[in-house]
């Protein structure tokens, strides 16, 4: 009996260890905290987030990413004692909702060196001089609430929501690092919706950016 219990415990510990490694390097659950990415993502959608991006080619234009909001982007969260240990631990293991205080979900528009400006006569973003057709935008959402012309700083990405009429994204923080989100703040790429079941599926990377030239010198 003792041998059987020992083997069961060993299997359980091995499975737990593998789960931890996979979550550190590959996939973690997450949820959408706001309406900023409608209609691509809706509030409280459960998503799968690909981690270990340094090992898997990083992120690029068009990716939907989860990131820790830089200082000043969101109000300071007031975490309870529970959320500081057991709730976060269970969330990490996939046994409870993940605590996402201070995290945001937006779409990468520009990478380091890209020139992003708003907007042309038709209200379209310009990326390295190319006007973008953005079919993923929520119908009626406009980009030109803020006019700007910036170069994305080294080591950062420039992010915008798909529901641009109602979101404070990089446009609202142009005075701070030209709105760039540091790469070290990026948690991972959201690649799939896992709940609700009627919306489940992969989150595609749009072809919008295929003809955009690389950043200038």
C-alpha atoms as a PDB file:
ATOM      1  CA  UNK A   1       0.000   0.000   0.000  1.00  0.00           C
ATOM      2  CA  UNK A   2       2.819   2.390   0.874  1.00  0.00           C
ATOM      3  CA  UNK A   3       4.475   1.731  -2.488  1.00  0.00           C
ATOM      4  CA  UNK A   4       1.242   2.517  -4.327  1.00  0.00           C
ATOM      5  CA  UNK A   5       0.774   5.767  -2.407  1.00  0.00           C
ATOM      6  CA  UNK A   6       4.375   6.731  -3.128  1.00  0.00           C
ATOM      7  CA  UNK A   7       3.881   6.126  -6.851  1.00  0.00           C
ATOM      8  CA  UNK A   8       0.647   8.124  -6.887  1.00  0.00           C
ATOM      9  CA  UNK A   9       2.364  10.992  -5.083  1.00  0.00           C
ATOM     10  CA  UNK A  10       5.277  10.871  -7.546  1.00  0.00           C
ATOM     11  CA  UNK A  11       2.929  10.992 -10.534  1.00  0.00           C
ATOM     12  CA  UNK A  12       0.994  13.894  -9.010  1.00  0.00           C
ATOM     13  CA  UNK A  13       4.170  15.859  -8.254  1.00  0.00           C
ATOM     14  CA  UNK A  14       5.523  15.213 -11.754  1.00  0.00           C
ATOM     15  CA  UNK A  15       2.263  16.399 -13.326  1.00  0.00           C
ATOM     16  CA  UNK A  16       2.310  19.510 -11.132  1.00  0.00           C
ATOM     17  CA  UNK A  17       5.923  20.254 -12.059  1.00  0.00           C
ATOM     18  CA  UNK A  18       5.163  19.878 -15.759  1.00  0.00           C
ATOM     19  CA  UNK A  19       2.149  22.178 -15.378  1.00  0.00           C
ATOM     20  CA  UNK A  20       4.327  24.844 -13.752  1.00  0.00           C
ATOM     21  CA  UNK A  21       6.994  24.587 -16.468  1.00  0.00           C
ATOM     22  CA  UNK A  22       4.410  24.763 -19.255  1.00  0.00           C
ATOM     23  CA  UNK A  23       2.790  27.819 -17.684  1.00  0.00           C
ATOM     24  CA  UNK A  24       6.135  29.545 -17.240  1.00  0.00           C
ATOM     25  CA  UNK A  25       7.282  28.926 -20.809  1.00  0.00           C
ATOM     26  CA  UNK A  26       4.236  28.257 -22.953  1.00  0.00           C
ATOM     27  CA  UNK A  27       0.587  28.903 -22.072  1.00  0.00           C
ATOM     28  CA  UNK A  28      -1.276  30.591 -19.253  1.00  0.00           C
ATOM     29  CA  UNK A  29      -4.962  31.459 -18.940  1.00  0.00           C
ATOM     30  CA  UNK A  30      -6.120  35.062 -18.858  1.00  0.00           C
ATOM     31  CA  UNK A  31      -9.207  37.153 -19.245  1.00  0.00           C
ATOM     32  CA  UNK A  32     -10.162  40.381 -20.997  1.00  0.00           C
ATOM     33  CA  UNK A  33     -10.568  43.119 -18.368  1.00  0.00           C
ATOM     34  CA  UNK A  34     -12.349  45.786 -20.443  1.00  0.00           C
ATOM     35  CA  UNK A  35     -14.150  46.634 -23.681  1.00  0.00           C
ATOM     36  CA  UNK A  36     -11.021  48.096 -25.294  1.00  0.00           C
ATOM     37  CA  UNK A  37     -10.663  45.193 -27.765  1.00  0.00           C
ATOM     38  CA  UNK A  38     -14.277  44.845 -28.911  1.00  0.00           C
ATOM     39  CA  UNK A  39     -15.407  43.285 -31.131  1.00  0.00           C
ATOM     40  CA  UNK A  40     -12.328  41.069 -31.429  1.00  0.00           C
ATOM     41  CA  UNK A  41     -12.475  40.344 -27.693  1.00  0.00           C
ATOM     42  CA  UNK A  42     -15.251  41.093 -25.230  1.00  0.00           C
ATOM     43  CA  UNK A  43     -15.085  41.852 -21.493  1.00  0.00           C
ATOM     44  CA  UNK A  44     -14.521  38.720 -19.412  1.00  0.00           C
ATOM     45  CA  UNK A  45     -13.622  36.536 -22.402  1.00  0.00           C
ATOM     46  CA  UNK A  46     -11.201  33.823 -21.255  1.00  0.00           C
ATOM     47  CA  UNK A  47      -8.107  33.722 -23.421  1.00  0.00           C
ATOM     48  CA  UNK A  48      -5.005  31.564 -23.817  1.00  0.00           C
ATOM     49  CA  UNK A  49      -1.769  33.532 -23.588  1.00  0.00           C
ATOM     50  CA  UNK A  50       1.458  32.292 -25.151  1.00  0.00           C
ATOM     51  CA  UNK A  51       4.478  32.909 -22.925  1.00  0.00           C
ATOM     52  CA  UNK A  52       8.178  32.317 -23.454  1.00  0.00           C
ATOM     53  CA  UNK A  53       8.074  34.698 -26.399  1.00  0.00           C
ATOM     54  CA  UNK A  54      11.813  35.262 -26.276  1.00  0.00           C
ATOM     55  CA  UNK A  55      12.205  31.600 -27.182  1.00  0.00           C
ATOM     56  CA  UNK A  56       9.397  31.619 -29.730  1.00  0.00           C
ATOM     57  CA  UNK A  57      10.231  34.578 -31.959  1.00  0.00           C
ATOM     58  CA  UNK A  58       8.824  37.452 -29.913  1.00  0.00           C
ATOM     59  CA  UNK A  59       5.853  39.618 -30.840  1.00  0.00           C
ATOM     60  CA  UNK A  60       5.176  41.705 -33.909  1.00  0.00           C
ATOM     61  CA  UNK A  61       2.686  44.054 -35.557  1.00  0.00           C
ATOM     62  CA  UNK A  62      -0.899  42.901 -35.365  1.00  0.00           C
ATOM     63  CA  UNK A  63      -0.416  40.625 -32.354  1.00  0.00           C
ATOM     64  CA  UNK A  64      -2.869  40.972 -29.485  1.00  0.00           C
ATOM     65  CA  UNK A  65      -0.786  41.074 -26.318  1.00  0.00           C
ATOM     66  CA  UNK A  66      -1.264  40.991 -22.568  1.00  0.00           C
ATOM     67  CA  UNK A  67       1.068  43.365 -20.741  1.00  0.00           C
ATOM     68  CA  UNK A  68       1.667  44.887 -17.347  1.00  0.00           C
ATOM     69  CA  UNK A  69       0.569  48.501 -17.654  1.00  0.00           C
ATOM     70  CA  UNK A  70       3.498  50.926 -17.370  1.00  0.00           C
ATOM     71  CA  UNK A  71       3.438  53.332 -14.457  1.00  0.00           C
ATOM     72  CA  UNK A  72       0.664  55.886 -14.774  1.00  0.00           C
ATOM     73  CA  UNK A  73      -1.389  53.890 -17.288  1.00  0.00           C
ATOM     74  CA  UNK A  74      -3.866  52.524 -14.723  1.00  0.00           C
ATOM     75  CA  UNK A  75      -4.862  53.501 -11.174  1.00  0.00           C
ATOM     76  CA  UNK A  76      -2.938  51.695  -8.441  1.00  0.00           C
ATOM     77  CA  UNK A  77      -4.669  48.410  -7.684  1.00  0.00           C
ATOM     78  CA  UNK A  78      -5.688  47.654  -4.102  1.00  0.00           C
ATOM     79  CA  UNK A  79      -5.017  43.961  -3.696  1.00  0.00           C
ATOM     80  CA  UNK A  80      -6.473  41.965  -0.819  1.00  0.00           C
ATOM     81  CA  UNK A  81      -4.350  39.647   1.299  1.00  0.00           C
ATOM     82  CA  UNK A  82      -5.993  36.667  -0.400  1.00  0.00           C
ATOM     83  CA  UNK A  83      -5.087  37.867  -3.854  1.00  0.00           C
ATOM     84  CA  UNK A  84      -1.469  38.193  -2.811  1.00  0.00           C
ATOM     85  CA  UNK A  85      -0.906  34.486  -2.234  1.00  0.00           C
ATOM     86  CA  UNK A  86      -3.370  31.611  -2.469  1.00  0.00           C
ATOM     87  CA  UNK A  87      -5.641  33.112  -5.168  1.00  0.00           C
ATOM     88  CA  UNK A  88      -2.666  33.977  -7.370  1.00  0.00           C
ATOM     89  CA  UNK A  89      -1.135  30.550  -6.748  1.00  0.00           C
ATOM     90  CA  UNK A  90      -4.353  28.778  -7.754  1.00  0.00           C
ATOM     91  CA  UNK A  91      -4.679  31.027 -10.798  1.00  0.00           C
ATOM     92  CA  UNK A  92      -1.124  30.219 -11.840  1.00  0.00           C
ATOM     93  CA  UNK A  93      -1.925  26.507 -11.655  1.00  0.00           C
ATOM     94  CA  UNK A  94      -5.143  26.975 -13.632  1.00  0.00           C
ATOM     95  CA  UNK A  95      -7.371  26.184 -10.657  1.00  0.00           C
ATOM     96  CA  UNK A  96      -8.887  29.657 -10.260  1.00  0.00           C
ATOM     97  CA  UNK A  97      -9.318  32.918 -12.164  1.00  0.00           C
ATOM     98  CA  UNK A  98      -6.022  34.702 -12.747  1.00  0.00           C
ATOM     99  CA  UNK A  99      -5.515  37.967 -10.865  1.00  0.00           C
ATOM    100  CA  UNK A 100      -4.889  40.550 -13.588  1.00  0.00           C
ATOM    101  CA  UNK A 101      -4.787  43.799 -11.620  1.00  0.00           C
ATOM    102  CA  UNK A 102      -2.740  46.276 -13.645  1.00  0.00           C
ATOM    103  CA  UNK A 103      -2.745  44.185 -16.822  1.00  0.00           C
ATOM    104  CA  UNK A 104      -4.071  45.292 -20.180  1.00  0.00           C
ATOM    105  CA  UNK A 105      -4.906  43.611 -23.500  1.00  0.00           C
ATOM    106  CA  UNK A 106      -4.276  45.621 -26.685  1.00  0.00           C
ATOM    107  CA  UNK A 107      -3.033  45.170 -30.271  1.00  0.00           C
ATOM    108  CA  UNK A 108       0.515  45.955 -31.377  1.00  0.00           C
ATOM    109  CA  UNK A 109       0.524  48.543 -34.176  1.00  0.00           C
ATOM    110  CA  UNK A 110       4.178  49.540 -34.283  1.00  0.00           C
ATOM    111  CA  UNK A 111       7.502  47.995 -33.282  1.00  0.00           C
ATOM    112  CA  UNK A 112      10.781  49.749 -32.492  1.00  0.00           C
ATOM    113  CA  UNK A 113      11.751  52.232 -35.212  1.00  0.00           C
ATOM    114  CA  UNK A 114       8.310  52.324 -36.858  1.00  0.00           C
ATOM    115  CA  UNK A 115       6.855  55.749 -37.598  1.00  0.00           C
ATOM    116  CA  UNK A 116       3.183  55.830 -36.577  1.00  0.00           C
ATOM    117  CA  UNK A 117       1.021  58.853 -37.330  1.00  0.00           C
ATOM    118  CA  UNK A 118      -2.613  59.808 -37.221  1.00  0.00           C
ATOM    119  CA  UNK A 119      -4.228  60.290 -39.514  1.00  0.00           C
ATOM    120  CA  UNK A 120      -4.693  60.698 -43.276  1.00  0.00           C
ATOM    121  CA  UNK A 121      -7.681  62.463 -44.878  1.00  0.00           C
ATOM    122  CA  UNK A 122      -9.718  59.267 -44.552  1.00  0.00           C
ATOM    123  CA  UNK A 123      -8.994  58.905 -40.849  1.00  0.00           C
ATOM    124  CA  UNK A 124      -6.564  56.004 -41.338  1.00  0.00           C
ATOM    125  CA  UNK A 125      -3.395  55.378 -39.371  1.00  0.00           C
ATOM    126  CA  UNK A 126      -0.140  55.717 -41.283  1.00  0.00           C
ATOM    127  CA  UNK A 127       2.598  53.192 -40.536  1.00  0.00           C
ATOM    128  CA  UNK A 128       5.953  53.969 -42.157  1.00  0.00           C
ATOM    129  CA  UNK A 129       3.987  56.068 -44.640  1.00  0.00           C
ATOM    130  CA  UNK A 130       1.485  53.316 -45.544  1.00  0.00           C
ATOM    131  CA  UNK A 131      -2.209  53.901 -44.703  1.00  0.00           C
ATOM    132  CA  UNK A 132      -3.649  50.954 -42.803  1.00  0.00           C
ATOM    133  CA  UNK A 133      -6.933  49.265 -43.602  1.00  0.00           C
ATOM    134  CA  UNK A 134      -8.015  47.826 -40.251  1.00  0.00           C
ATOM    135  CA  UNK A 135     -10.943  45.406 -40.584  1.00  0.00           C
ATOM    136  CA  UNK A 136     -10.619  44.356 -36.942  1.00  0.00           C
ATOM    137  CA  UNK A 137     -11.778  47.767 -35.648  1.00  0.00           C
ATOM    138  CA  UNK A 138     -15.150  47.895 -33.955  1.00  0.00           C
ATOM    139  CA  UNK A 139     -17.639  49.454 -36.409  1.00  0.00           C
ATOM    140  CA  UNK A 140     -17.813  53.188 -35.814  1.00  0.00           C
ATOM    141  CA  UNK A 141     -14.582  53.304 -33.789  1.00  0.00           C
ATOM    142  CA  UNK A 142     -12.330  56.192 -34.815  1.00  0.00           C
ATOM    143  CA  UNK A 143      -8.605  56.650 -34.232  1.00  0.00           C
ATOM    144  CA  UNK A 144      -8.301  60.408 -34.620  1.00  0.00           C
ATOM    145  CA  UNK A 145      -9.374  61.545 -31.150  1.00  0.00           C
ATOM    146  CA  UNK A 146      -5.646  62.318 -30.741  1.00  0.00           C
ATOM    147  CA  UNK A 147      -3.424  63.493 -33.591  1.00  0.00           C
ATOM    148  CA  UNK A 148       0.195  62.379 -33.381  1.00  0.00           C
ATOM    149  CA  UNK A 149       3.335  61.545 -35.322  1.00  0.00           C
ATOM    150  CA  UNK A 150       5.875  59.457 -33.403  1.00  0.00           C
ATOM    151  CA  UNK A 151       8.693  56.964 -33.872  1.00  0.00           C
ATOM    152  CA  UNK A 152       8.353  53.928 -31.626  1.00  0.00           C
ATOM    153  CA  UNK A 153      11.268  53.947 -29.150  1.00  0.00           C
ATOM    154  CA  UNK A 154      13.802  51.131 -29.045  1.00  0.00           C
ATOM    155  CA  UNK A 155      12.800  48.257 -26.789  1.00  0.00           C
ATOM    156  CA  UNK A 156       9.085  49.102 -26.906  1.00  0.00           C
ATOM    157  CA  UNK A 157       5.896  48.472 -28.868  1.00  0.00           C
ATOM    158  CA  UNK A 158       3.079  50.899 -29.698  1.00  0.00           C
ATOM    159  CA  UNK A 159      -0.357  49.495 -28.844  1.00  0.00           C
ATOM    160  CA  UNK A 160      -3.929  50.475 -29.666  1.00  0.00           C
ATOM    161  CA  UNK A 161      -7.289  48.944 -28.841  1.00  0.00           C
ATOM    162  CA  UNK A 162      -9.743  47.788 -31.502  1.00  0.00           C
ATOM    163  CA  UNK A 163     -12.487  49.831 -29.818  1.00  0.00           C
ATOM    164  CA  UNK A 164     -10.601  53.106 -30.085  1.00  0.00           C
ATOM    165  CA  UNK A 165     -13.403  55.460 -29.166  1.00  0.00           C
ATOM    166  CA  UNK A 166     -13.435  54.116 -25.590  1.00  0.00           C
ATOM    167  CA  UNK A 167      -9.867  53.155 -24.712  1.00  0.00           C
ATOM    168  CA  UNK A 168      -6.828  54.874 -23.243  1.00  0.00           C
ATOM    169  CA  UNK A 169      -4.033  53.156 -25.138  1.00  0.00           C
ATOM    170  CA  UNK A 170      -0.643  54.419 -26.353  1.00  0.00           C
ATOM    171  CA  UNK A 171      -2.344  57.555 -27.708  1.00  0.00           C
ATOM    172  CA  UNK A 172      -3.159  58.663 -24.164  1.00  0.00           C
ATOM    173  CA  UNK A 173       0.480  58.358 -23.036  1.00  0.00           C
ATOM    174  CA  UNK A 174       2.442  59.998 -25.840  1.00  0.00           C
ATOM    175  CA  UNK A 175       4.298  62.227 -23.378  1.00  0.00           C
ATOM    176  CA  UNK A 176       5.749  59.138 -21.695  1.00  0.00           C
ATOM    177  CA  UNK A 177       8.177  57.315 -23.985  1.00  0.00           C
ATOM    178  CA  UNK A 178       6.036  58.247 -27.023  1.00  0.00           C
ATOM    179  CA  UNK A 179       3.400  55.811 -25.773  1.00  0.00           C
ATOM    180  CA  UNK A 180       5.737  52.821 -26.039  1.00  0.00           C
ATOM    181  CA  UNK A 181       5.167  49.771 -23.850  1.00  0.00           C
ATOM    182  CA  UNK A 182       8.505  48.245 -22.748  1.00  0.00           C
ATOM    183  CA  UNK A 183       9.039  44.740 -24.080  1.00  0.00           C
ATOM    184  CA  UNK A 184       9.859  43.532 -20.584  1.00  0.00           C
ATOM    185  CA  UNK A 185       6.291  44.461 -19.588  1.00  0.00           C
ATOM    186  CA  UNK A 186       4.794  42.133 -22.206  1.00  0.00           C
ATOM    187  CA  UNK A 187       3.391  39.021 -20.506  1.00  0.00           C
ATOM    188  CA  UNK A 188       2.596  37.183 -23.728  1.00  0.00           C
ATOM    189  CA  UNK A 189       0.538  36.965 -26.916  1.00  0.00           C
ATOM    190  CA  UNK A 190      -3.163  36.168 -26.713  1.00  0.00           C
ATOM    191  CA  UNK A 191      -3.666  33.502 -29.370  1.00  0.00           C
ATOM    192  CA  UNK A 192      -7.069  31.955 -28.634  1.00  0.00           C
ATOM    193  CA  UNK A 193     -10.441  32.560 -27.015  1.00  0.00           C
ATOM    194  CA  UNK A 194     -11.343  29.577 -24.845  1.00  0.00           C
ATOM    195  CA  UNK A 195     -14.622  30.816 -23.314  1.00  0.00           C
ATOM    196  CA  UNK A 196     -17.485  31.489 -23.946  1.00  0.00           C
ATOM    197  CA  UNK A 197     -17.784  28.412 -26.118  1.00  0.00           C
ATOM    198  CA  UNK A 198     -19.660  30.151 -28.940  1.00  0.00           C
ATOM    199  CA  UNK A 199     -16.695  32.492 -29.470  1.00  0.00           C
ATOM    200  CA  UNK A 200     -13.948  29.921 -28.940  1.00  0.00           C
ATOM    201  CA  UNK A 201     -11.230  29.832 -31.570  1.00  0.00           C
ATOM    202  CA  UNK A 202      -7.881  31.244 -32.600  1.00  0.00           C
ATOM    203  CA  UNK A 203      -7.211  34.988 -32.585  1.00  0.00           C
ATOM    204  CA  UNK A 204      -5.757  35.573 -36.074  1.00  0.00           C
ATOM    205  CA  UNK A 205      -2.929  37.944 -36.909  1.00  0.00           C
ATOM    206  CA  UNK A 206      -4.429  40.202 -39.604  1.00  0.00           C
ATOM    207  CA  UNK A 207      -2.880  40.648 -43.040  1.00  0.00           C
ATOM    208  CA  UNK A 208      -3.107  44.429 -42.524  1.00  0.00           C
ATOM    209  CA  UNK A 209       0.625  44.788 -41.942  1.00  0.00           C
ATOM    210  CA  UNK A 210       1.907  42.462 -44.681  1.00  0.00           C
ATOM    211  CA  UNK A 211       2.859  45.276 -47.090  1.00  0.00           C
ATOM    212  CA  UNK A 212       4.267  47.690 -44.515  1.00  0.00           C
ATOM    213  CA  UNK A 213       7.990  48.280 -45.106  1.00  0.00           C
ATOM    214  CA  UNK A 214      10.487  47.752 -42.284  1.00  0.00           C
ATOM    215  CA  UNK A 215      11.379  50.693 -40.043  1.00  0.00           C
ATOM    216  CA  UNK A 216      13.567  53.348 -41.593  1.00  0.00           C
ATOM    217  CA  UNK A 217      17.189  54.002 -40.590  1.00  0.00           C
END
